[in-house]
Every structure is written in C-alpha cells, then in structure tokens.
Amino acid sequence: MVIRQEGLEDIPQVQNLVKKAFENMEHSDGSEHFLVEKLRKSKNFIPQLSLVAKGGQNEIVGHILFTPIQILREDGSFRQSLALAPVSVLPVYQNQGVGGLLINQGHDTARELGFKSIILMGHPKYYPKFGYRPASLWNIKAPIDVPNEAFMAIELYPGSLHNSSGQVKYPMEFGI
C-alpha cells in the first residue's frame, strides 16, 4: 500500500471512491463526495493534506482530507487547527488498516506543515485508537449538537491544545 498526495489525475477516482465508501454508512447523508469537491475548490484547500492510498492494480482504495479550521475563544481570538473529514475507504478494503495508514500519514504531514492539532466528528470506537479523545477535555465545543464522545481532538504535540477552549468554526463549505 502506497500513501501519497492526491494528484489532479486522481480526482475522478477519488470522487467515485468517496461516494462508494459512504453509500451504505448508517450516519451518512451520501453527500461526502460533494463536500470533498467543495473543499478541494476552496481557498482553505491544502493539496499536501489530501492523501490517497493506492493498492494493487494501481487502484486508489482510500482517501483522507484535512482542512484548516479555527477554535474561537471567548475573548475573540482563535487558535488554528485542522478538521479531519472525511476518511474514505472502498468497502472491499475496509477493516484492513487502510484508514489507519491514511490517518497516521496525515498526522505526520500535518506536523511537517506546522499544524499542532486535529479535530473531528466521528465514530467514538474507531478514532481513539489513533489518539483522539473527546474535545471536551480541552473545553472545545462543536458548532452543532453532536454527542460528546463523537466530537474528538488530538494534540500532534503534547500540550498543543492547552488553553484552547472555545467553539470550532468550520469553513463555509462544511455547511455547519
């Protein structure tokens, strides 16, 4: 399995992959592929944080995207972070570690680019194995009503979320 930055030639395959990855997911509205397209066209898009996993036959079997967000503090200041959304794996490759490879490489790339934390809304039984913990531990709040255990954060450097309390502001492309 090779993890690399998404290229322009990958876009059609990635769109199809994201659609297939979420079409039978319980908590999906089936619009994740539209979100990826909107984020890719936005001023917030960082090409190095759009990664693909290539399997045998040179097929793209997974994709992950990280997008800059802000944690707005009560005093009006903000702290920069990243949103992990979405991580997509073709159904036939799910539960084989592809998502984990993408997440770990994404963490490494985010660190290389100077980011210090990542926030996500996701499955509370999956993401903790990569170090994600409830964002409420840092008094970080979601902009919408979401179960506490599903709104998570990770410090890419120990202590990097210290004094980060506030509400997350996503780019408008997220529709939140």
N, C-alpha and C. Protein backbone atom coordinates (compact mmCIF):
# COMPACT_ATOMS: atom_id res chain seq x y z
N MET A 1 0.85 -1.18 0.00
CA MET A 1 0.00 0.00 0.00
C MET A 1 0.89 1.24 0.00
N VAL A 2 0.61 2.16 -0.90
CA VAL A 2 1.36 3.41 -1.02
C VAL A 2 0.43 4.57 -0.67
N ILE A 3 0.88 5.43 0.26
CA ILE A 3 0.13 6.63 0.62
C ILE A 3 0.88 7.81 0.01
N ARG A 4 0.15 8.65 -0.74
CA ARG A 4 0.77 9.80 -1.38
C ARG A 4 -0.25 10.92 -1.53
N GLN A 5 0.26 12.09 -1.87
CA GLN A 5 -0.60 13.25 -2.11
C GLN A 5 -1.48 12.98 -3.32
N GLU A 6 -2.72 13.37 -3.23
CA GLU A 6 -3.65 13.27 -4.35
C GLU A 6 -3.17 14.15 -5.49
N GLY A 7 -3.26 13.65 -6.71
CA GLY A 7 -2.92 14.42 -7.90
C GLY A 7 -4.18 14.77 -8.67
N LEU A 8 -4.08 15.71 -9.58
CA LEU A 8 -5.23 16.11 -10.39
C LEU A 8 -5.83 14.92 -11.14
N GLU A 9 -4.97 14.02 -11.60
CA GLU A 9 -5.45 12.85 -12.33
C GLU A 9 -6.25 11.89 -11.46
N ASP A 10 -6.14 12.03 -10.14
CA ASP A 10 -6.83 11.14 -9.20
C ASP A 10 -8.26 11.58 -8.90
N ILE A 11 -8.58 12.83 -9.20
CA ILE A 11 -9.85 13.41 -8.74
C ILE A 11 -11.08 12.57 -9.13
N PRO A 12 -11.24 12.16 -10.39
CA PRO A 12 -12.43 11.37 -10.71
C PRO A 12 -12.52 10.07 -9.91
N GLN A 13 -11.39 9.39 -9.75
CA GLN A 13 -11.37 8.14 -8.99
C GLN A 13 -11.69 8.39 -7.51
N VAL A 14 -11.16 9.49 -6.96
CA VAL A 14 -11.42 9.82 -5.56
C VAL A 14 -12.90 10.15 -5.36
N GLN A 15 -13.49 10.91 -6.26
CA GLN A 15 -14.92 11.24 -6.13
C GLN A 15 -15.76 9.97 -6.08
N ASN A 16 -15.47 9.04 -6.97
CA ASN A 16 -16.20 7.78 -7.01
C ASN A 16 -15.95 6.96 -5.75
N LEU A 17 -14.71 6.94 -5.29
CA LEU A 17 -14.35 6.20 -4.09
C LEU A 17 -15.10 6.74 -2.86
N VAL A 18 -15.12 8.07 -2.69
CA VAL A 18 -15.79 8.67 -1.53
C VAL A 18 -17.29 8.34 -1.57
N LYS A 19 -17.88 8.44 -2.74
CA LYS A 19 -19.31 8.11 -2.88
C LYS A 19 -19.58 6.66 -2.48
N LYS A 20 -18.76 5.74 -3.00
CA LYS A 20 -18.94 4.31 -2.69
C LYS A 20 -18.68 4.02 -1.21
N ALA A 21 -17.69 4.69 -0.63
CA ALA A 21 -17.33 4.44 0.77
C ALA A 21 -18.46 4.77 1.73
N PHE A 22 -19.27 5.77 1.39
CA PHE A 22 -20.31 6.22 2.31
C PHE A 22 -21.72 5.82 1.92
N GLU A 23 -21.94 5.19 0.77
CA GLU A 23 -23.30 4.96 0.31
C GLU A 23 -24.11 4.06 1.22
N ASN A 24 -23.49 3.18 1.99
CA ASN A 24 -24.25 2.31 2.90
C ASN A 24 -23.93 2.56 4.37
N MET A 25 -23.31 3.71 4.67
CA MET A 25 -22.97 4.04 6.05
C MET A 25 -24.20 4.54 6.79
N GLU A 26 -24.33 4.10 8.03
CA GLU A 26 -25.51 4.41 8.84
C GLU A 26 -25.70 5.91 9.07
N HIS A 27 -24.63 6.64 9.38
CA HIS A 27 -24.76 8.05 9.74
C HIS A 27 -24.34 8.98 8.60
N SER A 28 -24.57 8.55 7.36
CA SER A 28 -24.18 9.34 6.20
C SER A 28 -25.42 9.82 5.45
N ASP A 29 -25.33 11.03 4.92
CA ASP A 29 -26.41 11.52 4.05
C ASP A 29 -26.03 11.36 2.59
N GLY A 30 -24.89 10.72 2.33
CA GLY A 30 -24.46 10.46 0.96
C GLY A 30 -23.87 11.65 0.24
N SER A 31 -23.56 12.72 0.97
CA SER A 31 -23.05 13.93 0.31
C SER A 31 -21.55 14.15 0.53
N GLU A 32 -20.87 13.20 1.12
CA GLU A 32 -19.46 13.38 1.43
C GLU A 32 -18.61 13.69 0.19
N HIS A 33 -18.93 13.07 -0.93
CA HIS A 33 -18.16 13.34 -2.15
C HIS A 33 -18.35 14.79 -2.62
N PHE A 34 -19.53 15.37 -2.36
CA PHE A 34 -19.75 16.78 -2.69
C PHE A 34 -18.91 17.68 -1.76
N LEU A 35 -18.82 17.29 -0.47
CA LEU A 35 -18.01 18.05 0.48
C LEU A 35 -16.56 18.06 0.04
N VAL A 36 -16.02 16.92 -0.36
CA VAL A 36 -14.63 16.85 -0.81
C VAL A 36 -14.43 17.77 -2.00
N GLU A 37 -15.36 17.76 -2.94
CA GLU A 37 -15.24 18.60 -4.13
C GLU A 37 -15.26 20.09 -3.75
N LYS A 38 -16.19 20.46 -2.86
CA LYS A 38 -16.26 21.87 -2.43
C LYS A 38 -14.99 22.29 -1.71
N LEU A 39 -14.47 21.44 -0.83
CA LEU A 39 -13.25 21.77 -0.09
C LEU A 39 -12.05 21.86 -1.03
N ARG A 40 -12.00 20.98 -2.01
CA ARG A 40 -10.90 20.99 -2.97
C ARG A 40 -10.86 22.30 -3.76
N LYS A 41 -12.02 22.90 -3.99
CA LYS A 41 -12.11 24.15 -4.76
C LYS A 41 -12.00 25.39 -3.88
N SER A 42 -11.94 25.22 -2.57
CA SER A 42 -11.96 26.36 -1.66
C SER A 42 -10.57 26.95 -1.43
N LYS A 43 -10.54 28.16 -0.90
CA LYS A 43 -9.28 28.82 -0.55
C LYS A 43 -8.59 28.12 0.62
N ASN A 44 -9.31 27.27 1.35
CA ASN A 44 -8.75 26.56 2.50
C ASN A 44 -8.04 25.26 2.12
N PHE A 45 -8.15 24.85 0.87
CA PHE A 45 -7.59 23.57 0.45
C PHE A 45 -6.05 23.60 0.49
N ILE A 46 -5.49 22.60 1.14
CA ILE A 46 -4.03 22.41 1.20
C ILE A 46 -3.75 21.09 0.49
N PRO A 47 -3.23 21.13 -0.74
CA PRO A 47 -3.04 19.90 -1.51
C PRO A 47 -2.27 18.80 -0.78
N GLN A 48 -1.27 19.17 0.03
CA GLN A 48 -0.47 18.16 0.75
C GLN A 48 -1.29 17.40 1.78
N LEU A 49 -2.47 17.92 2.14
CA LEU A 49 -3.31 17.27 3.15
C LEU A 49 -4.49 16.53 2.54
N SER A 50 -4.43 16.29 1.23
CA SER A 50 -5.39 15.43 0.54
C SER A 50 -4.60 14.23 0.06
N LEU A 51 -4.75 13.12 0.76
CA LEU A 51 -3.92 11.94 0.54
C LEU A 51 -4.73 10.78 -0.01
N VAL A 52 -4.08 9.96 -0.83
CA VAL A 52 -4.72 8.75 -1.35
C VAL A 52 -3.89 7.54 -0.96
N ALA A 53 -4.58 6.41 -0.88
CA ALA A 53 -3.95 5.11 -0.67
C ALA A 53 -4.12 4.33 -1.96
N LYS A 54 -2.99 3.88 -2.51
CA LYS A 54 -3.03 3.09 -3.74
C LYS A 54 -2.74 1.64 -3.41
N GLY A 55 -3.62 0.77 -3.88
CA GLY A 55 -3.45 -0.65 -3.66
C GLY A 55 -2.93 -1.32 -4.92
N GLY A 56 -3.14 -2.63 -4.99
CA GLY A 56 -2.74 -3.38 -6.17
C GLY A 56 -3.48 -2.88 -7.39
N GLN A 57 -3.01 -3.21 -8.55
CA GLN A 57 -3.61 -2.78 -9.81
C GLN A 57 -3.60 -1.26 -9.96
N ASN A 58 -2.78 -0.56 -9.16
CA ASN A 58 -2.68 0.90 -9.22
C ASN A 58 -4.02 1.58 -8.94
N GLU A 59 -4.87 0.91 -8.16
CA GLU A 59 -6.21 1.42 -7.85
C GLU A 59 -6.18 2.25 -6.57
N ILE A 60 -6.85 3.38 -6.59
CA ILE A 60 -6.98 4.19 -5.38
C ILE A 60 -8.06 3.54 -4.53
N VAL A 61 -7.67 3.13 -3.32
CA VAL A 61 -8.59 2.40 -2.44
C VAL A 61 -8.99 3.21 -1.20
N GLY A 62 -8.31 4.36 -0.99
CA GLY A 62 -8.63 5.18 0.17
C GLY A 62 -8.24 6.63 -0.06
N HIS A 63 -8.88 7.52 0.70
CA HIS A 63 -8.62 8.95 0.60
C HIS A 63 -8.88 9.58 1.96
N ILE A 64 -8.11 10.60 2.28
CA ILE A 64 -8.33 11.38 3.50
C ILE A 64 -8.07 12.84 3.19
N LEU A 65 -8.82 13.70 3.88
CA LEU A 65 -8.68 15.13 3.67
C LEU A 65 -8.66 15.84 5.02
N PHE A 66 -7.72 16.76 5.16
CA PHE A 66 -7.63 17.62 6.34
C PHE A 66 -7.77 19.06 5.87
N THR A 67 -8.56 19.85 6.58
CA THR A 67 -8.84 21.23 6.20
C THR A 67 -8.64 22.15 7.40
N PRO A 68 -8.02 23.30 7.22
CA PRO A 68 -7.84 24.24 8.34
C PRO A 68 -9.19 24.71 8.91
N ILE A 69 -9.23 24.77 10.23
CA ILE A 69 -10.38 25.30 10.96
C ILE A 69 -9.86 26.21 12.06
N GLN A 70 -10.77 26.86 12.75
CA GLN A 70 -10.40 27.72 13.87
C GLN A 70 -11.15 27.30 15.13
N ILE A 71 -10.49 27.44 16.25
CA ILE A 71 -11.13 27.30 17.56
C ILE A 71 -11.27 28.73 18.08
N LEU A 72 -12.50 29.22 18.10
CA LEU A 72 -12.77 30.60 18.51
C LEU A 72 -12.89 30.69 20.02
N ARG A 73 -12.08 31.54 20.62
CA ARG A 73 -12.09 31.72 22.07
C ARG A 73 -13.09 32.81 22.46
N GLU A 74 -13.47 32.82 23.71
CA GLU A 74 -14.43 33.81 24.20
C GLU A 74 -13.92 35.23 24.06
N ASP A 75 -12.61 35.43 24.12
CA ASP A 75 -12.06 36.79 24.01
C ASP A 75 -11.94 37.27 22.56
N GLY A 76 -12.43 36.46 21.61
CA GLY A 76 -12.40 36.85 20.20
C GLY A 76 -11.18 36.36 19.46
N SER A 77 -10.18 35.86 20.15
CA SER A 77 -9.01 35.32 19.49
C SER A 77 -9.32 33.90 19.01
N PHE A 78 -8.43 33.34 18.24
CA PHE A 78 -8.65 31.97 17.77
C PHE A 78 -7.34 31.21 17.72
N ARG A 79 -7.48 29.91 17.70
CA ARG A 79 -6.35 29.02 17.54
C ARG A 79 -6.60 28.19 16.28
N GLN A 80 -5.58 28.05 15.47
CA GLN A 80 -5.67 27.28 14.23
C GLN A 80 -5.62 25.79 14.55
N SER A 81 -6.39 25.00 13.82
CA SER A 81 -6.36 23.55 13.92
C SER A 81 -6.70 22.98 12.55
N LEU A 82 -6.88 21.69 12.47
CA LEU A 82 -7.33 21.04 11.25
C LEU A 82 -8.57 20.21 11.54
N ALA A 83 -9.42 20.08 10.53
CA ALA A 83 -10.53 19.13 10.59
C ALA A 83 -10.14 17.92 9.76
N LEU A 84 -10.37 16.74 10.29
CA LEU A 84 -10.22 15.51 9.52
C LEU A 84 -11.61 15.17 9.01
N ALA A 85 -11.81 15.29 7.71
CA ALA A 85 -13.12 14.97 7.14
C ALA A 85 -13.05 15.02 5.63
N PRO A 86 -13.45 13.99 5.00
CA PRO A 86 -13.68 12.64 5.54
C PRO A 86 -12.47 11.73 5.31
N VAL A 87 -12.53 10.57 5.94
CA VAL A 87 -11.62 9.48 5.60
C VAL A 87 -12.49 8.45 4.90
N SER A 88 -12.07 8.04 3.71
CA SER A 88 -12.89 7.16 2.87
C SER A 88 -12.07 5.97 2.40
N VAL A 89 -12.67 4.79 2.50
CA VAL A 89 -12.02 3.56 2.03
C VAL A 89 -13.07 2.76 1.27
N LEU A 90 -12.69 2.26 0.09
CA LEU A 90 -13.61 1.41 -0.66
C LEU A 90 -14.11 0.28 0.24
N PRO A 91 -15.40 -0.04 0.19
CA PRO A 91 -15.95 -1.06 1.08
C PRO A 91 -15.17 -2.37 1.10
N VAL A 92 -14.69 -2.84 -0.04
CA VAL A 92 -13.97 -4.12 -0.09
C VAL A 92 -12.63 -4.06 0.65
N TYR A 93 -12.11 -2.85 0.88
CA TYR A 93 -10.83 -2.68 1.58
C TYR A 93 -11.01 -2.22 3.04
N GLN A 94 -12.24 -2.02 3.47
CA GLN A 94 -12.47 -1.57 4.84
C GLN A 94 -12.10 -2.67 5.83
N ASN A 95 -11.73 -2.24 7.03
CA ASN A 95 -11.30 -3.14 8.11
C ASN A 95 -10.01 -3.89 7.77
N GLN A 96 -9.17 -3.29 6.93
CA GLN A 96 -7.89 -3.89 6.58
C GLN A 96 -6.72 -2.94 6.88
N GLY A 97 -6.99 -1.86 7.61
CA GLY A 97 -5.93 -0.95 8.02
C GLY A 97 -5.65 0.21 7.08
N VAL A 98 -6.38 0.32 5.99
CA VAL A 98 -6.14 1.41 5.03
C VAL A 98 -6.42 2.76 5.67
N GLY A 99 -7.55 2.87 6.36
CA GLY A 99 -7.89 4.13 7.04
C GLY A 99 -6.83 4.53 8.04
N GLY A 100 -6.32 3.58 8.79
CA GLY A 100 -5.27 3.85 9.77
C GLY A 100 -3.99 4.36 9.12
N LEU A 101 -3.62 3.77 7.99
CA LEU A 101 -2.43 4.24 7.28
C LEU A 101 -2.62 5.69 6.83
N LEU A 102 -3.80 6.00 6.32
CA LEU A 102 -4.10 7.37 5.88
C LEU A 102 -4.06 8.34 7.05
N ILE A 103 -4.67 7.96 8.17
CA ILE A 103 -4.71 8.82 9.35
C ILE A 103 -3.29 9.09 9.85
N ASN A 104 -2.50 8.04 10.00
CA ASN A 104 -1.14 8.21 10.52
C ASN A 104 -0.27 9.06 9.59
N GLN A 105 -0.37 8.82 8.28
CA GLN A 105 0.40 9.64 7.34
C GLN A 105 -0.10 11.08 7.37
N GLY A 106 -1.42 11.25 7.49
CA GLY A 106 -1.99 12.60 7.60
C GLY A 106 -1.48 13.34 8.81
N HIS A 107 -1.37 12.66 9.94
CA HIS A 107 -0.81 13.27 11.16
C HIS A 107 0.63 13.72 10.90
N ASP A 108 1.42 12.85 10.28
CA ASP A 108 2.82 13.19 10.00
C ASP A 108 2.93 14.40 9.08
N THR A 109 2.12 14.41 8.03
CA THR A 109 2.15 15.53 7.07
C THR A 109 1.70 16.82 7.74
N ALA A 110 0.66 16.74 8.57
CA ALA A 110 0.17 17.93 9.29
C ALA A 110 1.27 18.50 10.18
N ARG A 111 1.99 17.63 10.88
CA ARG A 111 3.11 18.08 11.72
C ARG A 111 4.17 18.77 10.87
N GLU A 112 4.51 18.16 9.74
CA GLU A 112 5.52 18.74 8.84
C GLU A 112 5.13 20.13 8.37
N LEU A 113 3.82 20.36 8.22
CA LEU A 113 3.31 21.65 7.76
C LEU A 113 3.11 22.64 8.90
N GLY A 114 3.39 22.21 10.14
CA GLY A 114 3.32 23.11 11.28
C GLY A 114 2.00 23.12 12.04
N PHE A 115 1.09 22.21 11.71
CA PHE A 115 -0.17 22.15 12.46
C PHE A 115 0.06 21.42 13.76
N LYS A 116 -0.71 21.80 14.77
CA LYS A 116 -0.48 21.27 16.11
C LYS A 116 -1.60 20.38 16.63
N SER A 117 -2.78 20.42 15.98
CA SER A 117 -3.91 19.63 16.47
C SER A 117 -4.87 19.33 15.33
N ILE A 118 -5.74 18.35 15.59
CA ILE A 118 -6.77 17.96 14.62
C ILE A 118 -8.06 17.71 15.39
N ILE A 119 -9.16 18.14 14.79
CA ILE A 119 -10.50 17.96 15.37
C ILE A 119 -11.31 17.12 14.39
N LEU A 120 -12.20 16.29 14.91
CA LEU A 120 -13.09 15.53 14.02
C LEU A 120 -14.40 15.19 14.70
N MET A 121 -15.38 14.92 13.86
CA MET A 121 -16.64 14.32 14.29
C MET A 121 -16.62 12.93 13.70
N GLY A 122 -16.65 11.91 14.56
CA GLY A 122 -16.53 10.57 14.02
C GLY A 122 -16.90 9.49 15.01
N HIS A 123 -16.69 8.27 14.58
CA HIS A 123 -17.08 7.10 15.36
C HIS A 123 -16.24 6.99 16.63
N PRO A 124 -16.89 7.03 17.81
CA PRO A 124 -16.15 7.02 19.07
C PRO A 124 -15.42 5.73 19.39
N LYS A 125 -15.66 4.67 18.65
CA LYS A 125 -14.94 3.42 18.90
C LYS A 125 -13.75 3.26 17.94
N TYR A 126 -13.69 4.06 16.87
CA TYR A 126 -12.63 3.92 15.88
C TYR A 126 -11.46 4.87 16.14
N TYR A 127 -11.74 6.15 16.27
CA TYR A 127 -10.68 7.15 16.31
C TYR A 127 -9.83 7.16 17.59
N PRO A 128 -10.33 6.75 18.74
CA PRO A 128 -9.46 6.73 19.93
C PRO A 128 -8.21 5.87 19.77
N LYS A 129 -8.24 4.86 18.92
CA LYS A 129 -7.03 4.03 18.75
C LYS A 129 -5.91 4.77 18.05
N PHE A 130 -6.22 5.96 17.50
CA PHE A 130 -5.20 6.81 16.88
C PHE A 130 -4.83 7.99 17.78
N GLY A 131 -5.35 7.98 19.01
CA GLY A 131 -5.01 9.03 19.97
C GLY A 131 -6.07 10.10 20.15
N TYR A 132 -7.18 10.01 19.43
CA TYR A 132 -8.24 11.02 19.56
C TYR A 132 -8.99 10.82 20.88
N ARG A 133 -9.30 11.96 21.51
CA ARG A 133 -10.05 11.95 22.76
C ARG A 133 -11.16 12.99 22.66
N PRO A 134 -12.17 12.90 23.51
CA PRO A 134 -13.23 13.91 23.43
C PRO A 134 -12.67 15.32 23.52
N ALA A 135 -13.08 16.18 22.61
CA ALA A 135 -12.61 17.56 22.58
C ALA A 135 -13.01 18.31 23.85
N SER A 136 -14.03 17.82 24.52
CA SER A 136 -14.48 18.46 25.76
C SER A 136 -13.39 18.44 26.84
N LEU A 137 -12.42 17.55 26.73
CA LEU A 137 -11.30 17.52 27.69
C LEU A 137 -10.53 18.84 27.67
N TRP A 138 -10.58 19.54 26.53
CA TRP A 138 -9.93 20.84 26.40
C TRP A 138 -10.96 21.97 26.37
N ASN A 139 -12.20 21.63 26.70
CA ASN A 139 -13.31 22.59 26.67
C ASN A 139 -13.51 23.16 25.26
N ILE A 140 -13.33 22.31 24.27
CA ILE A 140 -13.57 22.68 22.87
C ILE A 140 -14.94 22.14 22.49
N LYS A 141 -15.75 23.04 21.94
CA LYS A 141 -17.15 22.71 21.63
C LYS A 141 -17.40 22.66 20.13
N ALA A 142 -18.31 21.78 19.74
CA ALA A 142 -18.73 21.68 18.34
C ALA A 142 -19.71 22.81 18.04
N PRO A 143 -19.79 23.23 16.78
CA PRO A 143 -20.73 24.28 16.41
C PRO A 143 -22.16 23.77 16.23
N ILE A 144 -22.33 22.46 16.29
CA ILE A 144 -23.66 21.84 16.18
C ILE A 144 -23.81 20.84 17.32
N ASP A 145 -25.02 20.37 17.51
CA ASP A 145 -25.28 19.38 18.55
C ASP A 145 -24.76 18.02 18.09
N VAL A 146 -23.77 17.53 18.78
CA VAL A 146 -23.16 16.24 18.45
C VAL A 146 -22.81 15.56 19.78
N PRO A 147 -22.96 14.23 19.86
CA PRO A 147 -22.60 13.55 21.11
C PRO A 147 -21.15 13.84 21.51
N ASN A 148 -20.95 14.07 22.79
CA ASN A 148 -19.63 14.41 23.33
C ASN A 148 -18.56 13.43 22.86
N GLU A 149 -18.87 12.13 22.91
CA GLU A 149 -17.87 11.12 22.57
C GLU A 149 -17.56 11.06 21.07
N ALA A 150 -18.38 11.70 20.23
CA ALA A 150 -18.16 11.69 18.78
C ALA A 150 -17.42 12.94 18.28
N PHE A 151 -17.24 13.93 19.15
CA PHE A 151 -16.52 15.15 18.78
C PHE A 151 -15.16 15.09 19.46
N MET A 152 -14.12 14.82 18.68
CA MET A 152 -12.82 14.47 19.25
C MET A 152 -11.69 15.36 18.74
N ALA A 153 -10.59 15.31 19.46
CA ALA A 153 -9.40 16.08 19.09
C ALA A 153 -8.16 15.26 19.42
N ILE A 154 -7.07 15.65 18.77
CA ILE A 154 -5.76 15.06 19.08
C ILE A 154 -4.73 16.17 19.07
N GLU A 155 -3.83 16.11 20.01
CA GLU A 155 -2.68 17.02 20.04
C GLU A 155 -1.57 16.36 19.24
N LEU A 156 -1.10 17.03 18.20
CA LEU A 156 0.01 16.49 17.42
C LEU A 156 1.33 16.67 18.16
N TYR A 157 1.33 17.59 19.12
CA TYR A 157 2.46 17.81 20.03
C TYR A 157 1.87 17.87 21.43
N PRO A 158 2.48 17.21 22.41
CA PRO A 158 1.94 17.25 23.78
C PRO A 158 1.71 18.68 24.25
N GLY A 159 0.52 18.92 24.78
CA GLY A 159 0.17 20.23 25.32
C GLY A 159 -0.26 21.26 24.30
N SER A 160 -0.34 20.88 23.03
CA SER A 160 -0.65 21.88 22.00
C SER A 160 -2.09 22.39 22.04
N LEU A 161 -2.97 21.71 22.75
CA LEU A 161 -4.34 22.21 22.91
C LEU A 161 -4.57 22.87 24.26
N HIS A 162 -3.52 23.01 25.05
CA HIS A 162 -3.63 23.68 26.34
C HIS A 162 -4.15 25.11 26.12
N ASN A 163 -5.13 25.52 26.91
CA ASN A 163 -5.75 26.85 26.80
C ASN A 163 -6.39 27.10 25.44
N SER A 164 -6.96 26.05 24.84
CA SER A 164 -7.61 26.20 23.53
C SER A 164 -9.13 26.26 23.62
N SER A 165 -9.68 26.36 24.80
CA SER A 165 -11.13 26.28 24.95
C SER A 165 -11.82 27.28 24.03
N GLY A 166 -12.94 26.82 23.48
CA GLY A 166 -13.72 27.65 22.58
C GLY A 166 -14.57 26.79 21.67
N GLN A 167 -15.17 27.43 20.68
CA GLN A 167 -16.04 26.73 19.74
C GLN A 167 -15.36 26.64 18.37
N VAL A 168 -15.45 25.48 17.78
CA VAL A 168 -14.85 25.26 16.47
C VAL A 168 -15.67 25.97 15.40
N LYS A 169 -14.95 26.63 14.51
CA LYS A 169 -15.57 27.27 13.35
C LYS A 169 -15.02 26.57 12.10
N TYR A 170 -15.93 25.92 11.39
CA TYR A 170 -15.56 25.24 10.15
C TYR A 170 -15.71 26.20 8.98
N PRO A 171 -14.94 25.99 7.90
CA PRO A 171 -15.15 26.79 6.70
C PRO A 171 -16.57 26.59 6.18
N MET A 172 -17.08 27.58 5.44
CA MET A 172 -18.48 27.54 5.00
C MET A 172 -18.79 26.31 4.14
N GLU A 173 -17.80 25.74 3.49
CA GLU A 173 -18.02 24.57 2.64
C GLU A 173 -18.60 23.39 3.41
N PHE A 174 -18.35 23.35 4.71
CA PHE A 174 -18.89 22.27 5.53
C PHE A 174 -20.40 22.42 5.75
N GLY A 175 -20.93 23.61 5.56
CA GLY A 175 -22.35 23.83 5.77
C GLY A 175 -22.78 23.76 7.22
N ILE A 176 -21.84 24.03 8.12
CA ILE A 176 -22.14 23.97 9.56
C ILE A 176 -22.19 25.39 10.10
